[in-house]
């Protein structure tokens, strides 16, 4: 009976099933890194529990039109005989006992493509809805040439950027979400012919400066409604007030005074997690997610004061200028949460 337990998931309104025996984890789709040598149906890789896992999209595996990915997609991590694979799903439902029946009707069988005959083991029912049950072993190991029979051209360019090829409409907030998920799944960025680890930062603007905030501390980003900020009596000048954000009361911090940057009205909000506390930070503008290797971080200019050096990791090139990398947790703990600092 255990072989008939299937995880049911959806893609484009159709239901699919894979043997639950092979399922290791179901996670929200993280940011992926593309490899130039990957098969055409692999949209990228990510670091899952210190293991690099390729991610397959069934649209590409079945030779269908590829419409990209969404921030609401899931990735199902499966393992078979030591081989790991992620499968993209729009929805994941539940595990059920189902009994797939082979497609034995002559008309259907004669019109099936080689792809269907290789990858589909049969059809079952879930609440009167057909479920296509997949042969995971063939899905993982069948040569990509079979999957490419009906494909006019590879929809995902080899080695291409994940966002430009898979999520061209992703907003800055969605990019932050993808990247944060990747970090939470212990993702490292792997480059061709390089094993150098890169750190992710959220690039924001405060005053005239680019600032890099550590991506692993970012919870979310949003527009800042200044009319929703409530002042805190006798609070220091670097506390803008408190903010009711999605039902949570957040202290709203102003980093400009600490960073010695001219103060301007803040337009956008970055929510960060420091220890057990969520905090809002007002910024002028949120740009994007940026990855920087240790070798790309330069020493601070001589003009930087000793106070700033305490909270800056260094500088790196960004667009047409320089970006300062902030030791955000240390800055917040020392300047805003002094009681948390152990002498």
C-alpha atoms as a PDB file:
ATOM      1  CA  UNK A   1       0.000   0.000   0.000  1.00  0.00           C
ATOM      2  CA  UNK A   2       2.849   2.447   0.704  1.00  0.00           C
ATOM      3  CA  UNK A   3       3.806   2.506  -2.988  1.00  0.00           C
ATOM      4  CA  UNK A   4       0.359   3.952  -3.749  1.00  0.00           C
ATOM      5  CA  UNK A   5       0.826   7.003  -1.552  1.00  0.00           C
ATOM      6  CA  UNK A   6       1.217   9.940  -3.905  1.00  0.00           C
ATOM      7  CA  UNK A   7       1.876  13.602  -3.328  1.00  0.00           C
ATOM      8  CA  UNK A   8      -0.662  15.536  -5.392  1.00  0.00           C
ATOM      9  CA  UNK A   9       0.372  18.877  -6.883  1.00  0.00           C
ATOM     10  CA  UNK A  10      -0.957  21.248  -9.498  1.00  0.00           C
ATOM     11  CA  UNK A  11       0.505  22.991 -12.537  1.00  0.00           C
ATOM     12  CA  UNK A  12      -1.604  25.156 -14.860  1.00  0.00           C
ATOM     13  CA  UNK A  13      -4.793  23.677 -13.403  1.00  0.00           C
ATOM     14  CA  UNK A  14      -3.796  20.050 -14.051  1.00  0.00           C
ATOM     15  CA  UNK A  15      -3.088  17.626 -11.218  1.00  0.00           C
ATOM     16  CA  UNK A  16       0.027  15.456 -11.040  1.00  0.00           C
ATOM     17  CA  UNK A  17       1.110  12.778  -8.617  1.00  0.00           C
ATOM     18  CA  UNK A  18       4.502  11.408  -7.611  1.00  0.00           C
ATOM     19  CA  UNK A  19       5.240   8.629  -5.168  1.00  0.00           C
ATOM     20  CA  UNK A  20       5.422  10.149  -1.677  1.00  0.00           C
ATOM     21  CA  UNK A  21       8.274   7.768  -0.852  1.00  0.00           C
ATOM     22  CA  UNK A  22      10.696  10.011  -2.738  1.00  0.00           C
ATOM     23  CA  UNK A  23       9.573  13.399  -1.364  1.00  0.00           C
ATOM     24  CA  UNK A  24      12.083  15.017   0.998  1.00  0.00           C
ATOM     25  CA  UNK A  25      10.710  18.530   1.461  1.00  0.00           C
ATOM     26  CA  UNK A  26       8.276  21.054   0.022  1.00  0.00           C
ATOM     27  CA  UNK A  27       9.461  24.673   0.091  1.00  0.00           C
ATOM     28  CA  UNK A  28       8.578  27.994  -1.461  1.00  0.00           C
ATOM     29  CA  UNK A  29      10.501  28.510  -4.689  1.00  0.00           C
ATOM     30  CA  UNK A  30      13.778  30.314  -3.871  1.00  0.00           C
ATOM     31  CA  UNK A  31      16.064  32.336  -6.058  1.00  0.00           C
ATOM     32  CA  UNK A  32      17.924  29.997  -8.398  1.00  0.00           C
ATOM     33  CA  UNK A  33      21.302  30.220 -10.059  1.00  0.00           C
ATOM     34  CA  UNK A  34      21.556  29.101 -13.690  1.00  0.00           C
ATOM     35  CA  UNK A  35      24.380  26.964 -14.989  1.00  0.00           C
ATOM     36  CA  UNK A  36      25.598  27.077 -18.580  1.00  0.00           C
ATOM     37  CA  UNK A  37      25.917  23.282 -18.732  1.00  0.00           C
ATOM     38  CA  UNK A  38      22.444  22.470 -17.370  1.00  0.00           C
ATOM     39  CA  UNK A  39      19.891  20.581 -19.534  1.00  0.00           C
ATOM     40  CA  UNK A  40      17.220  22.764 -21.098  1.00  0.00           C
ATOM     41  CA  UNK A  41      14.510  21.622 -18.675  1.00  0.00           C
ATOM     42  CA  UNK A  42      16.556  22.651 -15.617  1.00  0.00           C
ATOM     43  CA  UNK A  43      15.826  26.284 -14.768  1.00  0.00           C
ATOM     44  CA  UNK A  44      18.515  26.591 -12.099  1.00  0.00           C
ATOM     45  CA  UNK A  45      20.046  25.196  -8.934  1.00  0.00           C
ATOM     46  CA  UNK A  46      19.896  26.082  -5.251  1.00  0.00           C
ATOM     47  CA  UNK A  47      21.602  24.999  -2.084  1.00  0.00           C
ATOM     48  CA  UNK A  48      19.271  22.764  -0.114  1.00  0.00           C
ATOM     49  CA  UNK A  49      20.696  21.749   3.245  1.00  0.00           C
ATOM     50  CA  UNK A  50      24.272  22.132   1.913  1.00  0.00           C
ATOM     51  CA  UNK A  51      23.465  20.086  -1.196  1.00  0.00           C
ATOM     52  CA  UNK A  52      23.225  21.627  -4.652  1.00  0.00           C
ATOM     53  CA  UNK A  53      19.870  20.606  -6.127  1.00  0.00           C
ATOM     54  CA  UNK A  54      18.823  21.213  -9.765  1.00  0.00           C
ATOM     55  CA  UNK A  55      15.255  22.415 -10.306  1.00  0.00           C
ATOM     56  CA  UNK A  56      13.145  21.082 -13.180  1.00  0.00           C
ATOM     57  CA  UNK A  57      10.103  22.757 -14.678  1.00  0.00           C
ATOM     58  CA  UNK A  58       7.615  20.274 -16.176  1.00  0.00           C
ATOM     59  CA  UNK A  59       6.643  22.714 -18.937  1.00  0.00           C
ATOM     60  CA  UNK A  60      10.170  22.355 -20.285  1.00  0.00           C
ATOM     61  CA  UNK A  61      10.441  18.641 -19.527  1.00  0.00           C
ATOM     62  CA  UNK A  62       7.261  17.984 -21.500  1.00  0.00           C
ATOM     63  CA  UNK A  63       8.270  20.310 -24.347  1.00  0.00           C
ATOM     64  CA  UNK A  64       5.446  22.771 -23.729  1.00  0.00           C
ATOM     65  CA  UNK A  65       5.406  26.551 -23.756  1.00  0.00           C
ATOM     66  CA  UNK A  66       7.215  28.010 -20.735  1.00  0.00           C
ATOM     67  CA  UNK A  67       5.525  30.990 -19.084  1.00  0.00           C
ATOM     68  CA  UNK A  68       8.017  31.530 -16.276  1.00  0.00           C
ATOM     69  CA  UNK A  69       7.765  31.252 -12.493  1.00  0.00           C
ATOM     70  CA  UNK A  70       5.859  33.115  -9.793  1.00  0.00           C
ATOM     71  CA  UNK A  71       6.671  34.081  -6.238  1.00  0.00           C
ATOM     72  CA  UNK A  72       3.777  31.803  -5.148  1.00  0.00           C
ATOM     73  CA  UNK A  73       5.321  28.688  -6.729  1.00  0.00           C
ATOM     74  CA  UNK A  74       6.628  25.781  -4.671  1.00  0.00           C
ATOM     75  CA  UNK A  75       9.582  23.468  -5.205  1.00  0.00           C
ATOM     76  CA  UNK A  76       9.211  19.785  -4.313  1.00  0.00           C
ATOM     77  CA  UNK A  77      12.569  18.252  -3.395  1.00  0.00           C
ATOM     78  CA  UNK A  78      12.706  14.541  -4.266  1.00  0.00           C
ATOM     79  CA  UNK A  79      15.443  11.918  -3.925  1.00  0.00           C
ATOM     80  CA  UNK A  80      15.852   8.643  -5.756  1.00  0.00           C
ATOM     81  CA  UNK A  81      18.934   6.414  -5.338  1.00  0.00           C
ATOM     82  CA  UNK A  82      21.068   9.287  -4.140  1.00  0.00           C
ATOM     83  CA  UNK A  83      19.985  11.742  -6.851  1.00  0.00           C
ATOM     84  CA  UNK A  84      18.179  14.902  -5.745  1.00  0.00           C
ATOM     85  CA  UNK A  85      15.866  17.046  -7.848  1.00  0.00           C
ATOM     86  CA  UNK A  86      13.487  19.953  -7.314  1.00  0.00           C
ATOM     87  CA  UNK A  87      10.193  20.063  -9.230  1.00  0.00           C
ATOM     88  CA  UNK A  88       8.280  23.352  -9.606  1.00  0.00           C
ATOM     89  CA  UNK A  89       4.573  23.307  -8.735  1.00  0.00           C
ATOM     90  CA  UNK A  90       1.932  26.033  -8.685  1.00  0.00           C
ATOM     91  CA  UNK A  91       0.096  24.309  -5.838  1.00  0.00           C
ATOM     92  CA  UNK A  92       0.779  21.394  -3.513  1.00  0.00           C
ATOM     93  CA  UNK A  93      -2.237  19.605  -2.077  1.00  0.00           C
ATOM     94  CA  UNK A  94      -1.856  16.471   0.038  1.00  0.00           C
ATOM     95  CA  UNK A  95      -0.689  12.864   0.147  1.00  0.00           C
ATOM     96  CA  UNK A  96      -3.335  10.323  -0.844  1.00  0.00           C
ATOM     97  CA  UNK A  97      -3.629   6.619  -1.526  1.00  0.00           C
ATOM     98  CA  UNK A  98      -4.370   6.424  -5.233  1.00  0.00           C
ATOM     99  CA  UNK A  99      -4.088   3.600  -7.721  1.00  0.00           C
ATOM    100  CA  UNK A 100      -2.868   4.848 -11.115  1.00  0.00           C
ATOM    101  CA  UNK A 101      -4.303   2.933 -14.049  1.00  0.00           C
ATOM    102  CA  UNK A 102      -2.317   2.671 -17.294  1.00  0.00           C
ATOM    103  CA  UNK A 103      -3.605   4.407 -20.403  1.00  0.00           C
ATOM    104  CA  UNK A 104      -4.636   1.337 -22.377  1.00  0.00           C
ATOM    105  CA  UNK A 105      -7.122   2.854 -24.782  1.00  0.00           C
ATOM    106  CA  UNK A 106      -5.823   2.415 -28.324  1.00  0.00           C
ATOM    107  CA  UNK A 107      -6.815   5.897 -29.476  1.00  0.00           C
ATOM    108  CA  UNK A 108      -5.142   7.677 -26.548  1.00  0.00           C
ATOM    109  CA  UNK A 109      -2.054   5.508 -26.643  1.00  0.00           C
ATOM    110  CA  UNK A 110      -1.570   5.929 -30.387  1.00  0.00           C
ATOM    111  CA  UNK A 111      -1.688   9.714 -30.092  1.00  0.00           C
ATOM    112  CA  UNK A 112       0.565  10.017 -27.079  1.00  0.00           C
ATOM    113  CA  UNK A 113       3.903  11.644 -27.663  1.00  0.00           C
ATOM    114  CA  UNK A 114       7.097   9.744 -26.756  1.00  0.00           C
ATOM    115  CA  UNK A 115       7.406  12.137 -23.838  1.00  0.00           C
ATOM    116  CA  UNK A 116       4.058  11.073 -22.369  1.00  0.00           C
ATOM    117  CA  UNK A 117       4.791   7.376 -22.835  1.00  0.00           C
ATOM    118  CA  UNK A 118       8.125   7.737 -21.053  1.00  0.00           C
ATOM    119  CA  UNK A 119       7.111   9.897 -18.129  1.00  0.00           C
ATOM    120  CA  UNK A 120       3.504   8.937 -17.323  1.00  0.00           C
ATOM    121  CA  UNK A 121       2.715   5.665 -15.570  1.00  0.00           C
ATOM    122  CA  UNK A 122      -1.047   6.105 -15.453  1.00  0.00           C
ATOM    123  CA  UNK A 123      -4.096   8.122 -14.451  1.00  0.00           C
ATOM    124  CA  UNK A 124      -5.839   8.151 -11.073  1.00  0.00           C
ATOM    125  CA  UNK A 125      -8.724  10.083  -9.542  1.00  0.00           C
ATOM    126  CA  UNK A 126      -8.780  12.711  -6.782  1.00  0.00           C
ATOM    127  CA  UNK A 127     -12.241  14.007  -5.928  1.00  0.00           C
ATOM    128  CA  UNK A 128     -13.403  13.072  -9.440  1.00  0.00           C
ATOM    129  CA  UNK A 129     -10.497  15.005 -10.968  1.00  0.00           C
ATOM    130  CA  UNK A 130      -7.914  13.120 -13.085  1.00  0.00           C
ATOM    131  CA  UNK A 131      -4.403  12.938 -11.627  1.00  0.00           C
ATOM    132  CA  UNK A 132      -1.503  12.241 -13.990  1.00  0.00           C
ATOM    133  CA  UNK A 133       0.935   9.988 -12.134  1.00  0.00           C
ATOM    134  CA  UNK A 134       4.568  10.469 -13.123  1.00  0.00           C
ATOM    135  CA  UNK A 135       7.392   7.960 -13.356  1.00  0.00           C
ATOM    136  CA  UNK A 136       9.939   9.759 -11.191  1.00  0.00           C
ATOM    137  CA  UNK A 137      12.873   7.560 -12.183  1.00  0.00           C
ATOM    138  CA  UNK A 138      12.443   8.320 -15.892  1.00  0.00           C
ATOM    139  CA  UNK A 139      11.571  11.939 -15.191  1.00  0.00           C
ATOM    140  CA  UNK A 140      14.912  12.366 -13.426  1.00  0.00           C
ATOM    141  CA  UNK A 141      17.143  10.236 -15.656  1.00  0.00           C
ATOM    142  CA  UNK A 142      15.721  10.178 -19.185  1.00  0.00           C
ATOM    143  CA  UNK A 143      18.041  12.048 -21.585  1.00  0.00           C
ATOM    144  CA  UNK A 144      16.994  15.612 -22.214  1.00  0.00           C
ATOM    145  CA  UNK A 145      16.927  14.967 -25.949  1.00  0.00           C
ATOM    146  CA  UNK A 146      13.631  13.107 -25.482  1.00  0.00           C
ATOM    147  CA  UNK A 147      12.065  16.055 -23.689  1.00  0.00           C
ATOM    148  CA  UNK A 148      13.206  18.384 -26.458  1.00  0.00           C
ATOM    149  CA  UNK A 149      11.368  16.563 -29.261  1.00  0.00           C
ATOM    150  CA  UNK A 150       8.478  19.006 -29.391  1.00  0.00           C
ATOM    151  CA  UNK A 151      10.441  22.077 -28.340  1.00  0.00           C
ATOM    152  CA  UNK A 152      11.087  24.725 -30.976  1.00  0.00           C
ATOM    153  CA  UNK A 153      13.813  26.478 -28.997  1.00  0.00           C
ATOM    154  CA  UNK A 154      15.112  26.418 -25.422  1.00  0.00           C
ATOM    155  CA  UNK A 155      12.995  28.977 -23.530  1.00  0.00           C
ATOM    156  CA  UNK A 156      15.648  29.407 -20.840  1.00  0.00           C
ATOM    157  CA  UNK A 157      19.027  30.619 -22.031  1.00  0.00           C
ATOM    158  CA  UNK A 158      21.962  28.640 -20.658  1.00  0.00           C
ATOM    159  CA  UNK A 159      23.647  30.418 -17.789  1.00  0.00           C
ATOM    160  CA  UNK A 160      21.098  33.240 -17.888  1.00  0.00           C
ATOM    161  CA  UNK A 161      19.964  35.340 -14.970  1.00  0.00           C
ATOM    162  CA  UNK A 162      17.088  33.731 -13.040  1.00  0.00           C
ATOM    163  CA  UNK A 163      14.956  36.876 -13.050  1.00  0.00           C
ATOM    164  CA  UNK A 164      15.400  37.903 -16.684  1.00  0.00           C
ATOM    165  CA  UNK A 165      14.578  34.411 -17.945  1.00  0.00           C
ATOM    166  CA  UNK A 166      12.161  32.985 -15.385  1.00  0.00           C
ATOM    167  CA  UNK A 167      10.626  35.976 -13.553  1.00  0.00           C
ATOM    168  CA  UNK A 168      10.923  39.030 -15.825  1.00  0.00           C
ATOM    169  CA  UNK A 169       7.973  40.751 -14.113  1.00  0.00           C
ATOM    170  CA  UNK A 170       9.258  40.234 -10.546  1.00  0.00           C
ATOM    171  CA  UNK A 171       9.108  43.361  -8.424  1.00  0.00           C
ATOM    172  CA  UNK A 172      11.899  44.401  -6.072  1.00  0.00           C
ATOM    173  CA  UNK A 173       9.857  43.063  -3.153  1.00  0.00           C
ATOM    174  CA  UNK A 174       9.424  39.705  -4.902  1.00  0.00           C
ATOM    175  CA  UNK A 175      13.138  39.529  -5.663  1.00  0.00           C
ATOM    176  CA  UNK A 176      13.849  40.097  -1.993  1.00  0.00           C
ATOM    177  CA  UNK A 177      11.401  37.302  -1.152  1.00  0.00           C
ATOM    178  CA  UNK A 178      13.057  34.872  -3.593  1.00  0.00           C
ATOM    179  CA  UNK A 179      16.517  35.741  -2.311  1.00  0.00           C
ATOM    180  CA  UNK A 180      15.515  35.522   1.346  1.00  0.00           C
ATOM    181  CA  UNK A 181      14.059  32.059   0.779  1.00  0.00           C
ATOM    182  CA  UNK A 182      17.316  30.978  -0.818  1.00  0.00           C
ATOM    183  CA  UNK A 183      19.287  32.116   2.211  1.00  0.00           C
ATOM    184  CA  UNK A 184      16.873  30.387   4.562  1.00  0.00           C
ATOM    185  CA  UNK A 185      17.427  27.158   2.634  1.00  0.00           C
ATOM    186  CA  UNK A 186      21.180  27.711   3.112  1.00  0.00           C
ATOM    187  CA  UNK A 187      21.796  28.709  -0.455  1.00  0.00           C
ATOM    188  CA  UNK A 188      25.246  29.578  -1.731  1.00  0.00           C
ATOM    189  CA  UNK A 189      25.830  31.145  -5.103  1.00  0.00           C
ATOM    190  CA  UNK A 190      27.901  28.912  -7.356  1.00  0.00           C
ATOM    191  CA  UNK A 191      29.620  30.390 -10.377  1.00  0.00           C
ATOM    192  CA  UNK A 192      31.046  28.455 -13.280  1.00  0.00           C
ATOM    193  CA  UNK A 193      34.675  27.531 -12.562  1.00  0.00           C
ATOM    194  CA  UNK A 194      34.479  29.242  -9.170  1.00  0.00           C
ATOM    195  CA  UNK A 195      33.702  28.144  -5.642  1.00  0.00           C
ATOM    196  CA  UNK A 196      33.814  31.605  -4.078  1.00  0.00           C
ATOM    197  CA  UNK A 197      30.794  32.274  -1.903  1.00  0.00           C
ATOM    198  CA  UNK A 198      28.926  35.522  -2.444  1.00  0.00           C
ATOM    199  CA  UNK A 199      26.951  37.442   0.162  1.00  0.00           C
ATOM    200  CA  UNK A 200      23.524  38.809  -0.719  1.00  0.00           C
ATOM    201  CA  UNK A 201      22.632  42.411   0.110  1.00  0.00           C
ATOM    202  CA  UNK A 202      19.542  44.529  -0.391  1.00  0.00           C
ATOM    203  CA  UNK A 203      20.635  47.726  -2.119  1.00  0.00           C
ATOM    204  CA  UNK A 204      18.909  50.840  -0.787  1.00  0.00           C
ATOM    205  CA  UNK A 205      19.504  54.566  -1.032  1.00  0.00           C
ATOM    206  CA  UNK A 206      19.740  56.828   2.005  1.00  0.00           C
ATOM    207  CA  UNK A 207      20.460  60.419   1.082  1.00  0.00           C
ATOM    208  CA  UNK A 208      22.889  60.323  -1.857  1.00  0.00           C
ATOM    209  CA  UNK A 209      24.534  57.029  -0.842  1.00  0.00           C
ATOM    210  CA  UNK A 210      24.023  53.418  -1.854  1.00  0.00           C
ATOM    211  CA  UNK A 211      23.788  51.197   1.224  1.00  0.00           C
ATOM    212  CA  UNK A 212      23.958  47.383   1.253  1.00  0.00           C
ATOM    213  CA  UNK A 213      21.861  45.722   3.988  1.00  0.00           C
ATOM    214  CA  UNK A 214      22.565  42.026   4.769  1.00  0.00           C
ATOM    215  CA  UNK A 215      19.945  39.990   2.950  1.00  0.00           C
ATOM    216  CA  UNK A 216      19.726  37.316   5.641  1.00  0.00           C
ATOM    217  CA  UNK A 217      18.231  39.891   8.041  1.00  0.00           C
ATOM    218  CA  UNK A 218      15.553  41.146   5.618  1.00  0.00           C
ATOM    219  CA  UNK A 219      11.966  40.090   6.314  1.00  0.00           C
ATOM    220  CA  UNK A 220      10.090  42.205   3.759  1.00  0.00           C
ATOM    221  CA  UNK A 221       9.985  45.561   1.979  1.00  0.00           C
ATOM    222  CA  UNK A 222       7.085  47.952   1.497  1.00  0.00           C
ATOM    223  CA  UNK A 223       6.127  51.545   0.793  1.00  0.00           C
ATOM    224  CA  UNK A 224       6.360  53.780   3.854  1.00  0.00           C
ATOM    225  CA  UNK A 225       3.141  55.571   4.750  1.00  0.00           C
ATOM    226  CA  UNK A 226       4.411  58.486   6.800  1.00  0.00           C
ATOM    227  CA  UNK A 227       0.873  59.284   7.969  1.00  0.00           C
ATOM    228  CA  UNK A 228       0.777  55.866   9.669  1.00  0.00           C
ATOM    229  CA  UNK A 229       3.821  56.647  11.842  1.00  0.00           C
ATOM    230  CA  UNK A 230       3.022  57.381  15.477  1.00  0.00           C
ATOM    231  CA  UNK A 231       5.578  59.462  17.397  1.00  0.00           C
ATOM    232  CA  UNK A 232       7.202  58.020  20.499  1.00  0.00           C
ATOM    233  CA  UNK A 233       7.398  60.579  23.352  1.00  0.00           C
ATOM    234  CA  UNK A 234      10.923  61.588  24.411  1.00  0.00           C
ATOM    235  CA  UNK A 235      12.429  59.132  21.934  1.00  0.00           C
ATOM    236  CA  UNK A 236      15.930  59.765  20.538  1.00  0.00           C
ATOM    237  CA  UNK A 237      16.099  61.517  17.181  1.00  0.00           C
ATOM    238  CA  UNK A 238      17.092  58.327  15.394  1.00  0.00           C
ATOM    239  CA  UNK A 239      13.732  56.752  16.339  1.00  0.00           C
ATOM    240  CA  UNK A 240      11.238  58.014  13.764  1.00  0.00           C
ATOM    241  CA  UNK A 241       8.345  56.532  15.717  1.00  0.00           C
ATOM    242  CA  UNK A 242       6.361  53.335  15.627  1.00  0.00           C
ATOM    243  CA  UNK A 243       4.446  51.906  12.719  1.00  0.00           C
ATOM    244  CA  UNK A 244       1.420  49.622  12.468  1.00  0.00           C
ATOM    245  CA  UNK A 245       2.628  47.344   9.675  1.00  0.00           C
ATOM    246  CA  UNK A 246       0.292  44.497   8.709  1.00  0.00           C
ATOM    247  CA  UNK A 247      -1.014  44.238  12.235  1.00  0.00           C
ATOM    248  CA  UNK A 248       2.401  44.419  13.897  1.00  0.00           C
ATOM    249  CA  UNK A 249       3.742  47.415  15.816  1.00  0.00           C
ATOM    250  CA  UNK A 250       7.268  48.088  14.583  1.00  0.00           C
ATOM    251  CA  UNK A 251       9.793  50.592  15.916  1.00  0.00           C
ATOM    252  CA  UNK A 252      10.896  52.661  12.945  1.00  0.00           C
ATOM    253  CA  UNK A 253      14.569  53.551  12.881  1.00  0.00           C
ATOM    254  CA  UNK A 254      16.458  56.325  11.128  1.00  0.00           C
ATOM    255  CA  UNK A 255      19.993  55.257  10.247  1.00  0.00           C
ATOM    256  CA  UNK A 256      21.018  58.588   8.745  1.00  0.00           C
ATOM    257  CA  UNK A 257      22.179  60.090  12.035  1.00  0.00           C
ATOM    258  CA  UNK A 258      24.381  57.099  12.848  1.00  0.00           C
ATOM    259  CA  UNK A 259      25.741  56.928   9.296  1.00  0.00           C
ATOM    260  CA  UNK A 260      26.205  60.712   9.180  1.00  0.00           C
ATOM    261  CA  UNK A 261      23.994  61.071   6.100  1.00  0.00           C
ATOM    262  CA  UNK A 262      21.752  64.129   5.564  1.00  0.00           C
ATOM    263  CA  UNK A 263      18.187  63.385   6.657  1.00  0.00           C
ATOM    264  CA  UNK A 264      15.444  63.398   4.029  1.00  0.00           C
ATOM    265  CA  UNK A 265      11.800  62.258   4.187  1.00  0.00           C
ATOM    266  CA  UNK A 266      11.877  58.477   3.805  1.00  0.00           C
ATOM    267  CA  UNK A 267       9.735  56.914   1.082  1.00  0.00           C
ATOM    268  CA  UNK A 268      10.118  53.138   1.520  1.00  0.00           C
ATOM    269  CA  UNK A 269      10.296  50.619   4.340  1.00  0.00           C
ATOM    270  CA  UNK A 270      12.661  47.729   4.988  1.00  0.00           C
ATOM    271  CA  UNK A 271      11.588  45.285   7.713  1.00  0.00           C
ATOM    272  CA  UNK A 272      14.462  43.406   9.360  1.00  0.00           C
ATOM    273  CA  UNK A 273      14.739  40.748  12.041  1.00  0.00           C
ATOM    274  CA  UNK A 274      17.331  41.412  14.750  1.00  0.00           C
ATOM    275  CA  UNK A 275      17.367  38.608  17.312  1.00  0.00           C
ATOM    276  CA  UNK A 276      13.705  38.234  18.369  1.00  0.00           C
ATOM    277  CA  UNK A 277      12.670  41.734  17.321  1.00  0.00           C
ATOM    278  CA  UNK A 278      11.289  42.934  13.988  1.00  0.00           C
ATOM    279  CA  UNK A 279      12.290  46.509  13.184  1.00  0.00           C
ATOM    280  CA  UNK A 280      11.417  48.913  10.390  1.00  0.00           C
ATOM    281  CA  UNK A 281      14.052  51.035   8.670  1.00  0.00           C
ATOM    282  CA  UNK A 282      13.107  54.032   6.567  1.00  0.00           C
ATOM    283  CA  UNK A 283      14.994  54.446   3.289  1.00  0.00           C
ATOM    284  CA  UNK A 284      14.692  56.774   0.330  1.00  0.00           C
ATOM    285  CA  UNK A 285      14.600  54.080  -2.312  1.00  0.00           C
ATOM    286  CA  UNK A 286      14.933  50.304  -2.659  1.00  0.00           C
ATOM    287  CA  UNK A 287      16.843  49.165  -5.738  1.00  0.00           C
ATOM    288  CA  UNK A 288      17.445  45.426  -5.963  1.00  0.00           C
ATOM    289  CA  UNK A 289      19.218  42.372  -4.580  1.00  0.00           C
ATOM    290  CA  UNK A 290      22.942  42.302  -5.250  1.00  0.00           C
ATOM    291  CA  UNK A 291      25.584  39.632  -4.628  1.00  0.00           C
ATOM    292  CA  UNK A 292      29.154  40.490  -3.776  1.00  0.00           C
ATOM    293  CA  UNK A 293      32.153  38.220  -3.231  1.00  0.00           C
ATOM    294  CA  UNK A 294      34.705  38.885  -0.499  1.00  0.00           C
ATOM    295  CA  UNK A 295      37.323  39.645  -3.154  1.00  0.00           C
ATOM    296  CA  UNK A 296      35.091  42.448  -4.489  1.00  0.00           C
ATOM    297  CA  UNK A 297      34.893  44.290  -1.156  1.00  0.00           C
ATOM    298  CA  UNK A 298      37.427  47.119  -0.881  1.00  0.00           C
ATOM    299  CA  UNK A 299      38.824  48.859   2.169  1.00  0.00           C
ATOM    300  CA  UNK A 300      37.069  51.976   3.406  1.00  0.00           C
ATOM    301  CA  UNK A 301      38.309  55.370   2.180  1.00  0.00           C
ATOM    302  CA  UNK A 302      40.545  57.333   4.557  1.00  0.00           C
ATOM    303  CA  UNK A 303      37.842  59.999   4.866  1.00  0.00           C
ATOM    304  CA  UNK A 304      35.492  57.586   6.692  1.00  0.00           C
ATOM    305  CA  UNK A 305      35.338  58.423  10.407  1.00  0.00           C
ATOM    306  CA  UNK A 306      36.265  55.983  13.156  1.00  0.00           C
ATOM    307  CA  UNK A 307      32.625  55.798  14.285  1.00  0.00           C
ATOM    308  CA  UNK A 308      31.489  54.724  10.823  1.00  0.00           C
ATOM    309  CA  UNK A 309      34.280  52.167  10.534  1.00  0.00           C
ATOM    310  CA  UNK A 310      32.722  50.336  13.472  1.00  0.00           C
ATOM    311  CA  UNK A 311      29.613  49.617  11.424  1.00  0.00           C
ATOM    312  CA  UNK A 312      30.923  49.284   7.841  1.00  0.00           C
ATOM    313  CA  UNK A 313      32.333  46.089   6.333  1.00  0.00           C
ATOM    314  CA  UNK A 314      33.761  47.959   3.372  1.00  0.00           C
ATOM    315  CA  UNK A 315      32.749  49.331  -0.011  1.00  0.00           C
ATOM    316  CA  UNK A 316      32.123  47.749  -3.371  1.00  0.00           C
ATOM    317  CA  UNK A 317      31.314  48.988  -6.866  1.00  0.00           C
ATOM    318  CA  UNK A 318      27.633  49.348  -7.686  1.00  0.00           C
ATOM    319  CA  UNK A 319      26.292  50.753 -10.962  1.00  0.00           C
ATOM    320  CA  UNK A 320      28.053  54.110 -11.400  1.00  0.00           C
ATOM    321  CA  UNK A 321      29.259  54.572  -7.849  1.00  0.00           C
ATOM    322  CA  UNK A 322      30.177  52.891  -4.578  1.00  0.00           C
ATOM    323  CA  UNK A 323      27.993  50.971  -2.148  1.00  0.00           C
ATOM    324  CA  UNK A 324      28.717  50.875   1.589  1.00  0.00           C
ATOM    325  CA  UNK A 325      28.161  47.469   3.209  1.00  0.00           C
ATOM    326  CA  UNK A 326      26.617  47.817   6.666  1.00  0.00           C
ATOM    327  CA  UNK A 327      27.129  45.587   9.698  1.00  0.00           C
ATOM    328  CA  UNK A 328      23.440  46.042  10.378  1.00  0.00           C
ATOM    329  CA  UNK A 329      22.982  43.756  13.367  1.00  0.00           C
ATOM    330  CA  UNK A 330      25.947  45.232  15.213  1.00  0.00           C
ATOM    331  CA  UNK A 331      24.798  48.768  14.421  1.00  0.00           C
ATOM    332  CA  UNK A 332      21.242  48.161  15.651  1.00  0.00           C
ATOM    333  CA  UNK A 333      22.356  46.334  18.808  1.00  0.00           C
ATOM    334  CA  UNK A 334      24.837  49.022  19.829  1.00  0.00           C
ATOM    335  CA  UNK A 335      22.928  52.138  18.805  1.00  0.00           C
ATOM    336  CA  UNK A 336      19.299  51.144  19.321  1.00  0.00           C
ATOM    337  CA  UNK A 337      19.329  48.133  21.638  1.00  0.00           C
ATOM    338  CA  UNK A 338      22.181  48.848  24.049  1.00  0.00           C
ATOM    339  CA  UNK A 339      20.755  46.521  26.703  1.00  0.00           C
ATOM    340  CA  UNK A 340      21.341  43.557  24.371  1.00  0.00           C
ATOM    341  CA  UNK A 341      25.088  44.190  24.223  1.00  0.00           C
ATOM    342  CA  UNK A 342      27.102  42.139  26.672  1.00  0.00           C
ATOM    343  CA  UNK A 343      29.956  44.101  28.176  1.00  0.00           C
END
